[in-house]
Protein backbone atom coordinates (compact mmCIF):
# COMPACT_ATOMS: atom_id res chain seq x y z
CA MET A 1 0.04 -0.03 -0.09
CA SER A 2 2.82 2.41 0.86
CA LYS A 3 4.19 2.59 -2.76
CA LEU A 4 0.60 2.77 -4.20
CA LYS A 5 -0.14 5.42 -1.50
CA ASN A 6 2.82 7.67 -2.49
CA GLU A 7 2.00 7.26 -6.16
CA ILE A 8 -1.59 8.19 -5.55
CA LEU A 9 -0.76 11.31 -3.33
CA SER A 10 1.65 12.63 -6.02
CA MET A 11 -1.22 12.81 -8.49
CA THR A 12 -3.33 15.83 -9.29
CA ALA A 13 -6.97 15.63 -8.89
CA LEU A 14 -7.64 15.12 -12.60
CA GLU A 15 -4.69 12.50 -12.79
CA LEU A 16 -6.41 10.55 -9.99
CA GLY A 17 -9.68 10.90 -11.53
CA SER A 18 -8.38 9.49 -14.79
CA ALA A 19 -6.54 6.56 -12.96
CA ILE A 20 -9.87 5.69 -11.36
CA SER A 21 -11.71 5.92 -14.56
CA SER A 22 -9.18 3.60 -16.24
CA LYS A 23 -9.32 1.20 -13.25
CA GLU A 24 -5.61 1.64 -12.35
CA VAL A 25 -6.76 2.87 -8.87
CA SER A 26 -9.92 2.14 -7.03
CA VAL A 27 -11.87 4.88 -5.20
CA ARG A 28 -11.33 3.04 -1.90
CA GLU A 29 -7.49 3.01 -2.51
CA ALA A 30 -7.67 6.67 -3.18
CA VAL A 31 -9.69 7.46 -0.05
CA GLU A 32 -7.43 5.26 2.16
CA ALA A 33 -4.43 7.00 0.80
CA SER A 34 -5.87 10.42 1.82
CA LEU A 35 -6.92 9.17 5.22
CA SER A 36 -3.59 7.55 5.80
CA GLN A 37 -1.74 10.88 5.02
CA VAL A 38 -4.24 12.74 7.28
CA GLU A 39 -3.29 10.39 10.07
CA ALA A 40 0.57 10.89 9.41
CA ARG A 41 0.32 14.83 9.22
CA GLU A 42 -2.59 15.97 11.29
CA ALA A 43 -0.64 16.03 14.68
CA ASP A 44 1.76 18.61 13.10
CA ILE A 45 -0.57 20.59 10.84
CA HIS A 46 -4.17 20.40 12.21
CA SER A 47 -6.03 21.00 8.77
CA PHE A 48 -9.18 19.35 9.89
CA VAL A 49 -11.93 19.99 12.59
CA THR A 50 -13.83 16.89 11.72
CA LEU A 51 -12.64 13.76 9.82
CA ASP A 52 -15.43 11.51 8.38
CA ALA A 53 -13.33 8.31 7.68
CA GLU A 54 -16.09 5.80 8.08
CA ASN A 55 -18.61 7.55 5.79
CA ALA A 56 -15.83 8.43 3.24
CA LEU A 57 -15.02 4.76 2.92
CA ARG A 58 -18.66 3.76 2.63
CA ARG A 59 -19.20 6.51 0.00
CA ALA A 60 -16.05 5.36 -1.95
CA ASP A 61 -17.73 1.90 -2.41
CA GLU A 62 -20.90 3.59 -3.65
CA VAL A 63 -19.07 5.82 -6.01
CA GLN A 64 -16.97 2.93 -7.41
CA GLN A 65 -20.18 1.14 -8.37
CA LYS A 66 -21.63 4.18 -9.91
CA ILE A 67 -18.50 4.77 -12.00
CA LEU A 68 -18.53 1.09 -13.06
CA SER A 69 -22.11 1.33 -14.13
CA GLY A 70 -21.58 4.46 -16.08
CA GLU A 71 -23.94 6.53 -13.91
CA ILE A 72 -21.10 8.99 -13.03
CA THR A 73 -18.76 10.16 -15.62
CA SER A 74 -17.20 13.35 -14.14
CA PRO A 75 -13.38 13.65 -14.36
CA LEU A 76 -13.42 14.19 -10.51
CA ALA A 77 -15.33 11.11 -9.71
CA GLY A 78 -13.95 9.19 -6.83
CA VAL A 79 -11.39 12.01 -5.91
CA PRO A 80 -11.18 12.88 -2.11
CA VAL A 81 -12.00 16.33 -1.23
CA ALA A 82 -12.02 18.37 1.97
CA ILE A 83 -14.74 21.20 2.67
CA LYS A 84 -14.11 24.30 4.64
CA ASP A 85 -16.16 24.08 8.06
CA ASN A 86 -18.51 27.02 7.11
CA MET A 87 -20.19 24.98 4.40
CA CYS A 88 -23.26 22.92 5.67
CA THR A 89 -22.75 19.14 5.23
CA LYS A 90 -25.90 16.95 5.88
CA GLY A 91 -25.36 14.84 8.87
CA LEU A 92 -21.75 16.06 9.34
CA LEU A 93 -20.65 18.55 12.09
CA THR A 94 -20.40 22.04 10.79
CA THR A 95 -18.90 24.34 13.31
CA CYS A 96 -17.38 27.47 11.56
CA SER A 97 -14.49 26.61 13.93
CA SER A 98 -16.47 28.29 16.67
CA LYS A 99 -17.67 27.16 20.23
CA ILE A 100 -21.00 28.52 19.46
CA LEU A 101 -21.65 26.07 16.65
CA GLY A 102 -19.61 23.24 18.22
CA ASN A 103 -22.50 20.81 18.32
CA PHE A 104 -24.34 21.82 15.01
CA VAL A 105 -25.08 19.07 12.63
CA PRO A 106 -26.97 20.34 9.53
CA THR A 107 -30.03 18.65 7.94
CA TYR A 108 -28.90 19.75 4.49
CA SER A 109 -25.86 20.33 2.46
CA SER A 110 -24.74 23.43 0.68
CA THR A 111 -25.30 23.58 -3.15
CA ALA A 112 -21.57 23.51 -3.89
CA VAL A 113 -21.00 20.40 -1.76
CA GLU A 114 -24.15 18.84 -3.20
CA ARG A 115 -22.82 19.42 -6.69
CA LEU A 116 -19.42 17.93 -6.04
CA GLU A 117 -20.96 14.84 -4.36
CA LYS A 118 -23.27 14.50 -7.45
CA ALA A 119 -20.08 14.45 -9.60
CA GLY A 120 -18.80 11.60 -7.43
CA ALA A 121 -16.23 13.50 -5.26
CA VAL A 122 -15.68 12.03 -1.91
CA VAL A 123 -15.83 14.36 1.15
CA ILE A 124 -13.32 13.14 3.71
CA GLY A 125 -13.83 15.82 6.33
CA LYS A 126 -14.21 19.54 7.27
CA THR A 127 -11.15 21.77 7.50
CA ASN A 128 -10.15 24.15 10.20
CA MET A 129 -10.56 27.95 9.71
CA ASP A 130 -10.50 31.28 11.38
CA GLU A 131 -13.67 31.54 13.45
CA PHE A 132 -16.80 32.31 11.19
CA ALA A 133 -14.07 33.24 8.56
CA MET A 134 -12.87 36.18 10.56
CA GLY A 135 -9.14 36.42 10.41
CA SER A 136 -6.23 36.13 7.92
CA THR A 137 -4.13 33.39 9.63
CA SER A 138 -6.42 30.40 10.81
CA GLU A 139 -5.38 31.27 14.30
CA THR A 140 -8.83 32.56 15.65
CA SER A 141 -10.16 29.00 15.46
CA ALA A 142 -11.76 27.76 18.74
CA PHE A 143 -10.09 24.49 18.04
CA GLY A 144 -6.50 25.76 17.94
CA PRO A 145 -4.42 27.02 14.91
CA THR A 146 -3.63 25.29 11.58
CA LYS A 147 0.15 25.24 10.70
CA ASN A 148 1.83 25.78 7.34
CA PRO A 149 2.94 22.41 5.82
CA TRP A 150 6.07 24.22 4.46
CA ASN A 151 7.16 25.29 7.88
CA THR A 152 5.04 24.63 11.02
CA GLY A 153 6.29 27.76 12.79
CA HIS A 154 4.33 29.71 10.33
CA VAL A 155 0.62 30.32 9.64
CA PRO A 156 -1.10 28.82 6.45
CA GLY A 157 -3.12 31.94 5.92
CA GLY A 158 -6.84 32.38 6.42
CA SER A 159 -9.58 32.14 6.75
CA SER A 160 -9.41 29.06 4.57
CA GLY A 161 -6.07 27.86 5.96
CA GLY A 162 -7.31 24.36 6.90
CA SER A 163 -8.27 23.81 3.21
CA ALA A 164 -5.05 25.21 1.75
CA ALA A 165 -2.86 23.32 4.22
CA ALA A 166 -4.62 20.08 3.57
CA VAL A 167 -4.17 20.29 -0.22
CA ALA A 168 -0.41 21.53 0.24
CA ALA A 169 0.21 18.42 2.63
CA ASP A 170 -1.43 15.94 0.12
CA GLU A 171 -4.20 15.19 2.90
CA CYS A 172 -6.75 15.72 -0.02
CA PHE A 173 -6.52 16.39 -3.72
CA PHE A 174 -8.57 19.62 -3.76
CA ALA A 175 -10.73 21.48 -1.26
CA LEU A 176 -13.50 24.22 -1.09
CA GLY A 177 -12.96 27.51 0.59
CA SER A 178 -14.77 30.68 0.78
CA ASP A 179 -13.30 34.12 0.05
CA THR A 180 -14.67 37.25 1.72
CA GLY A 181 -11.65 39.50 1.44
CA GLY A 182 -8.96 37.18 0.01
CA SER A 183 -9.60 33.97 2.23
CA ILE A 184 -8.88 31.60 -0.64
CA ARG A 185 -6.21 33.44 -2.57
CA GLN A 186 -4.04 34.51 0.45
CA PRO A 187 -3.76 31.01 2.08
CA ALA A 188 -3.13 29.49 -1.40
CA SER A 189 -0.19 31.90 -1.82
CA TYR A 190 1.18 30.95 1.65
CA CYS A 191 0.84 27.30 1.10
CA GLY A 192 2.09 27.19 -2.42
CA ILE A 193 -0.98 26.08 -4.31
CA VAL A 194 -3.66 27.50 -6.69
CA GLY A 195 -6.68 29.21 -5.22
CA MET A 196 -9.38 31.08 -7.03
CA LYS A 197 -12.39 33.34 -6.18
CA PRO A 198 -14.64 33.25 -9.12
CA THR A 199 -16.91 36.22 -9.99
CA TYR A 200 -19.46 36.88 -7.28
CA GLY A 201 -22.69 35.00 -8.07
CA THR A 202 -21.21 32.40 -10.28
CA VAL A 203 -21.10 29.79 -7.48
CA SER A 204 -24.15 29.33 -5.27
CA ARG A 205 -23.84 30.66 -1.71
CA TYR A 206 -26.75 28.47 -0.44
CA GLY A 207 -25.56 26.57 2.66
CA LEU A 208 -22.52 28.70 3.08
CA ILE A 209 -22.81 30.16 6.77
CA ALA A 210 -22.73 33.91 5.99
CA TYR A 211 -19.89 36.28 7.21
CA GLY A 212 -20.37 39.20 4.69
CA SER A 213 -23.16 38.31 2.33
CA SER A 214 -22.31 40.88 -0.33
CA LEU A 215 -18.62 39.75 -0.33
CA ASP A 216 -18.57 35.91 0.36
CA GLN A 217 -17.78 33.64 -2.51
CA ILE A 218 -17.04 29.90 -2.59
CA GLY A 219 -14.11 28.69 -4.73
CA PRO A 220 -11.56 25.86 -5.14
CA LEU A 221 -8.10 25.28 -3.69
CA SER A 222 -6.09 22.91 -5.85
CA LYS A 223 -2.66 21.63 -6.89
CA ASN A 224 -2.73 23.26 -10.19
CA VAL A 225 -4.87 25.48 -12.60
CA SER A 226 -6.39 22.48 -14.53
CA ASP A 227 -7.72 21.04 -11.34
CA CYS A 228 -9.05 24.52 -10.35
CA VAL A 229 -11.09 24.75 -13.66
CA ALA A 230 -12.31 21.05 -13.22
CA VAL A 231 -13.77 22.01 -9.84
CA LEU A 232 -15.28 25.17 -11.10
CA SER A 233 -16.92 23.34 -13.99
CA GLU A 234 -18.74 21.21 -11.31
CA ILE A 235 -19.71 23.96 -8.80
CA ILE A 236 -20.56 26.91 -11.21
CA ALA A 237 -24.34 26.82 -11.92
CA HIS A 238 -27.42 29.02 -11.37
CA ASP A 239 -29.23 28.04 -8.16
CA GLU A 240 -32.69 29.15 -7.35
CA LYS A 241 -32.02 28.98 -3.72
CA ASP A 242 -29.50 31.82 -3.85
CA SER A 243 -30.98 35.17 -4.91
CA THR A 244 -27.62 36.45 -6.02
CA SER A 245 -26.93 33.43 -8.27
CA VAL A 246 -26.45 33.92 -11.93
CA ASP A 247 -26.46 31.94 -15.13
CA TYR A 248 -22.85 31.65 -16.33
CA ASP A 249 -21.68 29.70 -19.42
CA ILE A 250 -18.37 27.91 -18.39
CA THR A 251 -17.38 26.92 -22.09
CA ALA A 252 -14.93 29.73 -22.24
CA LEU A 253 -13.39 28.73 -18.89
CA LYS A 254 -12.70 25.07 -20.19
CA ASN A 255 -11.33 26.56 -23.44
CA ALA A 256 -8.93 28.86 -21.65
CA LEU A 257 -6.46 26.09 -20.81
CA ASP A 258 -4.42 26.46 -24.07
CA GLY A 259 -1.45 28.63 -22.94
CA ASP A 260 -2.20 31.20 -25.70
CA VAL A 261 -1.77 34.71 -24.31
CA LYS A 262 -0.60 36.54 -27.37
CA GLY A 263 -1.89 40.17 -27.49
CA MET A 264 -3.55 40.04 -24.04
CA LYS A 265 -3.13 43.24 -22.15
CA ILE A 266 -1.96 43.15 -18.53
CA GLY A 267 -2.01 46.09 -16.17
CA VAL A 268 0.38 46.26 -13.19
CA PRO A 269 -0.75 48.90 -10.57
CA ARG A 270 2.17 51.14 -9.54
CA ASP A 271 0.06 51.65 -6.17
CA TYR A 272 0.76 48.07 -5.26
CA PHE A 273 4.50 48.52 -4.96
CA GLY A 274 4.60 51.03 -2.11
CA GLU A 275 5.61 50.80 1.45
CA GLY A 276 5.20 47.44 3.22
CA LEU A 277 5.65 45.30 0.12
CA ASP A 278 8.51 42.64 0.77
CA PRO A 279 11.10 43.05 -1.97
CA GLU A 280 11.13 39.40 -2.73
CA VAL A 281 7.26 39.49 -3.37
CA ALA A 282 7.76 42.61 -5.67
CA SER A 283 10.42 40.84 -7.55
CA ALA A 284 8.24 37.77 -8.10
CA VAL A 285 5.43 39.86 -9.57
CA LYS A 286 7.91 41.50 -12.02
CA GLU A 287 9.31 38.21 -12.91
CA VAL A 288 5.84 36.87 -13.82
CA ALA A 289 5.17 40.01 -15.76
CA LYS A 290 8.32 39.43 -17.86
CA LYS A 291 7.45 35.78 -18.49
CA LEU A 292 3.88 36.55 -19.74
CA GLU A 293 5.43 39.45 -21.85
CA SER A 294 7.88 36.88 -23.44
CA ALA A 295 4.84 34.66 -24.41
CA GLY A 296 3.24 37.53 -26.35
CA ALA A 297 1.22 39.43 -23.67
CA VAL A 298 1.45 43.22 -23.45
CA VAL A 299 2.39 44.44 -19.95
CA GLU A 300 1.94 48.08 -18.88
CA GLU A 301 2.20 49.85 -15.43
CA PHE A 302 -0.74 52.17 -14.42
CA ASP A 303 -2.36 54.01 -11.63
CA LEU A 304 -5.28 52.07 -9.87
CA SER A 305 -6.67 54.76 -7.56
CA LEU A 306 -8.35 54.39 -4.21
CA VAL A 307 -6.03 51.50 -2.96
CA ASP A 308 -5.62 53.19 0.42
CA TYR A 309 -9.33 53.29 1.00
CA ALA A 310 -9.92 49.60 0.30
CA ILE A 311 -9.06 48.30 3.89
CA PRO A 312 -11.35 50.80 5.91
CA THR A 313 -14.16 50.31 3.37
CA TYR A 314 -13.97 46.54 3.51
CA TYR A 315 -13.90 46.23 7.30
CA THR A 316 -16.76 48.81 7.66
CA ILE A 317 -18.96 46.76 5.23
CA ALA A 318 -17.73 43.25 6.37
CA ALA A 319 -18.33 44.08 9.91
CA ALA A 320 -21.75 45.70 9.40
CA GLU A 321 -22.93 42.55 7.53
CA ALA A 322 -21.28 40.18 10.03
CA SER A 323 -23.14 41.84 12.94
CA SER A 324 -26.37 41.35 11.09
CA ASN A 325 -25.61 37.80 10.03
CA LEU A 326 -24.47 36.62 13.46
CA GLU A 327 -27.65 37.87 15.21
CA ARG A 328 -29.04 34.49 14.70
CA PHE A 329 -26.64 32.66 16.96
CA ASP A 330 -28.49 33.33 20.19
CA GLY A 331 -28.74 29.87 21.89
CA ILE A 332 -32.26 29.45 21.15
CA LYS A 333 -32.54 27.73 17.73
CA TYR A 334 -29.29 25.70 17.45
CA GLY A 335 -25.73 25.59 18.68
CA TYR A 336 -24.31 26.30 22.00
CA ARG A 337 -26.28 27.53 25.07
CA THR A 338 -24.99 28.65 28.34
CA LYS A 339 -25.64 26.44 31.25
CA GLU A 340 -26.61 28.89 33.92
CA TYR A 341 -28.72 32.00 33.30
CA ALA A 342 -31.44 34.05 34.95
CA GLY A 343 -34.19 34.85 32.24
CA LEU A 344 -33.93 35.25 28.41
CA HIS A 345 -31.71 38.40 28.17
CA ASP A 346 -29.17 36.87 30.56
CA MET A 347 -29.28 33.74 28.38
CA TYR A 348 -28.51 35.67 25.17
CA LYS A 349 -25.82 37.62 26.81
CA LYS A 350 -23.92 34.73 28.33
CA THR A 351 -24.37 32.43 25.35
CA ARG A 352 -22.85 34.97 22.94
CA SER A 353 -20.05 35.99 25.45
CA GLU A 354 -19.01 32.30 26.03
CA GLY A 355 -19.65 31.18 22.35
CA PHE A 356 -17.91 33.64 20.34
CA GLY A 357 -14.05 34.45 20.41
CA PRO A 358 -12.42 37.78 20.76
CA GLU A 359 -11.97 38.48 16.93
CA VAL A 360 -15.67 37.74 16.23
CA LYS A 361 -16.72 39.90 19.12
CA ARG A 362 -14.51 42.72 17.84
CA ARG A 363 -16.20 42.76 14.35
CA ILE A 364 -19.75 42.32 15.79
CA MET A 365 -19.13 45.36 17.98
CA LEU A 366 -17.51 47.47 15.17
CA GLY A 367 -20.45 46.41 12.73
CA SER A 368 -23.11 47.24 15.39
CA PHE A 369 -21.48 50.63 15.93
CA VAL A 370 -21.35 51.54 12.19
CA LEU A 371 -24.95 50.62 11.77
CA SER A 372 -26.18 52.42 14.78
CA SER A 373 -28.21 55.57 14.86
CA GLY A 374 -26.10 58.72 14.33
CA TYR A 375 -23.11 56.73 12.76
CA TYR A 376 -24.84 54.97 9.88
CA ASP A 377 -24.48 57.92 7.37
CA ALA A 378 -20.93 58.72 8.70
CA TYR A 379 -19.50 55.31 8.34
CA TYR A 380 -21.59 52.67 6.59
CA LEU A 381 -23.17 54.80 3.83
CA LYS A 382 -19.88 56.50 3.10
CA ALA A 383 -18.29 52.95 2.78
CA LEU A 384 -20.78 51.98 0.23
CA ARG A 385 -20.08 55.08 -1.73
CA VAL A 386 -16.45 54.28 -1.59
CA LYS A 387 -17.09 50.64 -2.68
CA ALA A 388 -18.82 52.07 -5.84
CA LEU A 389 -15.91 54.26 -6.54
CA ILE A 390 -13.50 51.23 -6.15
CA LYS A 391 -15.67 49.31 -8.61
CA LYS A 392 -15.57 52.31 -11.16
CA ALA A 393 -11.73 52.35 -10.94
CA PHE A 394 -11.63 48.64 -11.72
CA ASP A 395 -14.22 49.23 -14.73
CA ASP A 396 -11.92 52.01 -15.96
CA ALA A 397 -8.92 49.63 -15.69
CA PHE A 398 -10.75 46.80 -17.47
CA ALA A 399 -11.66 49.17 -20.30
CA LYS A 400 -7.91 49.03 -21.17
CA TYR A 401 -6.69 45.62 -19.88
CA ASP A 402 -7.67 41.98 -19.99
CA ALA A 403 -6.26 41.39 -16.41
CA ILE A 404 -4.47 42.94 -13.48
CA LEU A 405 -1.32 41.49 -12.17
CA GLY A 406 -0.10 42.05 -8.56
CA PRO A 407 0.94 40.45 -5.31
CA VAL A 408 -1.38 38.42 -3.14
CA ALA A 409 -0.08 39.55 0.11
CA PRO A 410 2.65 42.13 1.19
CA THR A 411 4.81 39.20 2.61
CA THR A 412 5.11 35.42 2.68
CA ALA A 413 3.48 33.61 5.56
CA PRO A 414 4.04 35.27 8.92
CA ARG A 415 5.26 33.37 11.99
CA LEU A 416 2.48 31.84 14.32
CA GLY A 417 1.32 34.41 17.02
CA ASP A 418 2.81 37.47 15.16
CA SER A 419 -0.58 38.69 13.61
CA LEU A 420 -2.84 37.93 16.72
CA SER A 421 -0.92 40.33 18.88
CA ASP A 422 -1.69 43.01 16.47
CA PRO A 423 -5.07 42.89 14.75
CA ILE A 424 -4.51 46.09 12.61
CA LYS A 425 -1.37 44.45 11.24
CA MET A 426 -3.39 41.45 10.18
CA TYR A 427 -6.14 43.61 8.51
CA LEU A 428 -3.43 45.41 6.60
CA GLY A 429 -2.35 41.89 5.18
CA ASP A 430 -5.39 42.04 2.98
CA ILE A 431 -4.60 45.19 1.08
CA TYR A 432 -4.20 43.49 -2.31
CA THR A 433 -7.12 40.96 -2.08
CA ILE A 434 -10.06 42.87 -0.67
CA SER A 435 -10.90 45.17 -3.49
CA VAL A 436 -11.57 42.20 -5.62
CA ASN A 437 -14.42 41.27 -3.17
CA LEU A 438 -15.67 44.73 -2.88
CA ALA A 439 -16.05 44.86 -6.71
CA GLY A 440 -17.29 41.27 -7.16
CA LEU A 441 -14.37 40.37 -9.45
CA PRO A 442 -12.66 37.14 -10.11
CA GLY A 443 -9.16 36.64 -8.78
CA ILE A 444 -6.63 33.79 -9.00
CA SER A 445 -3.54 33.09 -6.83
CA VAL A 446 -0.62 31.11 -8.58
CA PRO A 447 2.54 29.77 -7.02
CA PHE A 448 5.61 31.62 -8.20
CA GLY A 449 8.45 30.07 -6.09
CA VAL A 450 9.98 30.33 -2.61
CA ASP A 451 11.59 33.12 -0.77
CA SER A 452 14.92 33.11 1.04
CA LYS A 453 13.27 31.47 4.21
CA GLY A 454 11.90 28.66 1.95
CA LEU A 455 8.24 29.84 2.12
CA PRO A 456 6.05 30.09 -1.00
CA ILE A 457 5.33 33.23 -2.75
CA GLY A 458 2.06 33.56 -4.83
CA VAL A 459 1.18 36.20 -7.37
CA GLN A 460 -2.52 37.28 -8.18
CA LEU A 461 -4.34 37.81 -11.27
CA ILE A 462 -7.57 39.81 -11.34
CA GLY A 463 -10.14 39.91 -14.06
CA ASP A 464 -13.29 41.79 -15.09
CA CYS A 465 -16.64 40.44 -13.90
CA PHE A 466 -17.67 37.20 -15.71
CA LYS A 467 -14.25 37.26 -17.54
CA ASP A 468 -12.86 34.49 -15.37
CA ASP A 469 -11.54 32.73 -18.58
CA ARG A 470 -8.98 35.55 -19.03
CA ILE A 471 -7.28 35.07 -15.71
CA VAL A 472 -7.40 31.43 -15.93
CA ARG A 473 -5.77 31.61 -19.35
CA LEU A 474 -2.87 33.89 -18.10
CA ALA A 475 -2.56 31.69 -14.89
CA TYR A 476 -2.25 28.48 -17.00
CA ALA A 477 0.18 29.94 -19.50
CA TYR A 478 2.33 31.21 -16.58
CA GLU A 479 2.09 27.71 -14.76
CA GLN A 480 3.24 26.02 -18.06
CA MET A 481 6.25 28.34 -18.31
CA ARG A 482 7.13 27.99 -14.68
CA GLY A 483 7.27 24.18 -14.66
CA GLU A 484 6.72 21.75 -11.78
CA PHE A 485 6.27 23.43 -8.36
CA PRO A 486 8.11 21.94 -5.44
CA THR A 487 6.08 20.17 -2.57
CA PRO A 488 6.68 21.22 1.02
CA LYS A 489 9.40 19.46 2.91
CA GLY A 490 7.93 20.39 6.28
CA GLY A 491 10.04 21.19 9.29
CA ILE A 492 9.98 24.07 11.73
CA GLU A 493 12.27 27.10 12.20
């Protein structure tokens, strides 16, 4: 099993799907290989909140029969997948890495999970995350931090850090994450994998436990761009259960994997290269620009205004939406309830005080403040106006360019504990990703290489709404030029 296990784990999701389809590998062998790797790595990395080994093996046998009978023909049939723990999974604990949902078992699955299961993917468990997706390091989880497989003294990023670490550590072949302000792209960059936030509305949010409803978007974390497109091809679809869901033709997305970028115009914002950007990250972006230029793309620097306003705008809007969305967790309907209380009001107060962690409380308080009478106009409405200006700045840029190239984060993965001691520093780490969510745009993070400390550097491509195929085309072309990306050797500083 050991040789077969190593051969299986070295495959991409599509390679494994092909091996299962051609009967070289059984679905059970694939799932056992993933579960064995989880057992070997979890003590160090802590990617998972809940592992569902028994059901995964039972499901593996079911899927095998459906593949043999021709009922399932998806290229991802039989491939083990991990799901971020803020997506509902029927009959499987869904906690948002919070004490307040520590006992919540949903009676239904989110649409994205349902669609993957219909395609024959096998869910092996739920991944750790920042509590209610609030954080950029996966350290605010009530169940303890996830660690970076490249160096366990560093964070994997967040809030989808568990999903990113699981893929990077070969514990699964791809994973689903959610991106509210960079929560797929930034951990993908820190962990040396591909992560994509598709255009807002293309993937249903039904069953995703909301943080900021106008910003949240489900997307894949994968080993390469081809796997990323394969996952999107399964989960992108109109859903009547989500009022923000749109019809989107994925044909162009599938056709984008040809490496041809001749004549494509790429803008590189000068504003992204100011104070705080690590020189090694800046150099990586410039190197990728040169590579794409050598393949026939046209690269220009330009000024993208309003970059400095993105962070205050994002945190005002996100916190406002969070304070509203998290009202439902009151100890009455589901989840945690305090044991001793005197009356209803005391029960609410104690349940929420005990159930939520410090970062979630901070954002609920901020959100309640900006929505309160007397401050609504001064903060929340003003943030909405700036959001519209940011969208217009991107519209102007995309009138000239097919895509925007820039960093994912100012630095590579910080050390564990560094960001928690300074929340403002953690918020500033989102400077290059949050505008994408404010404007509802697609963005993809692709690995470039490693820095002098041996930690991965990712670069980001941003596209116009519903032009996801353009950034995929550029990402795939760069990936082909870059060649094979190394795998984490592990260890700790």
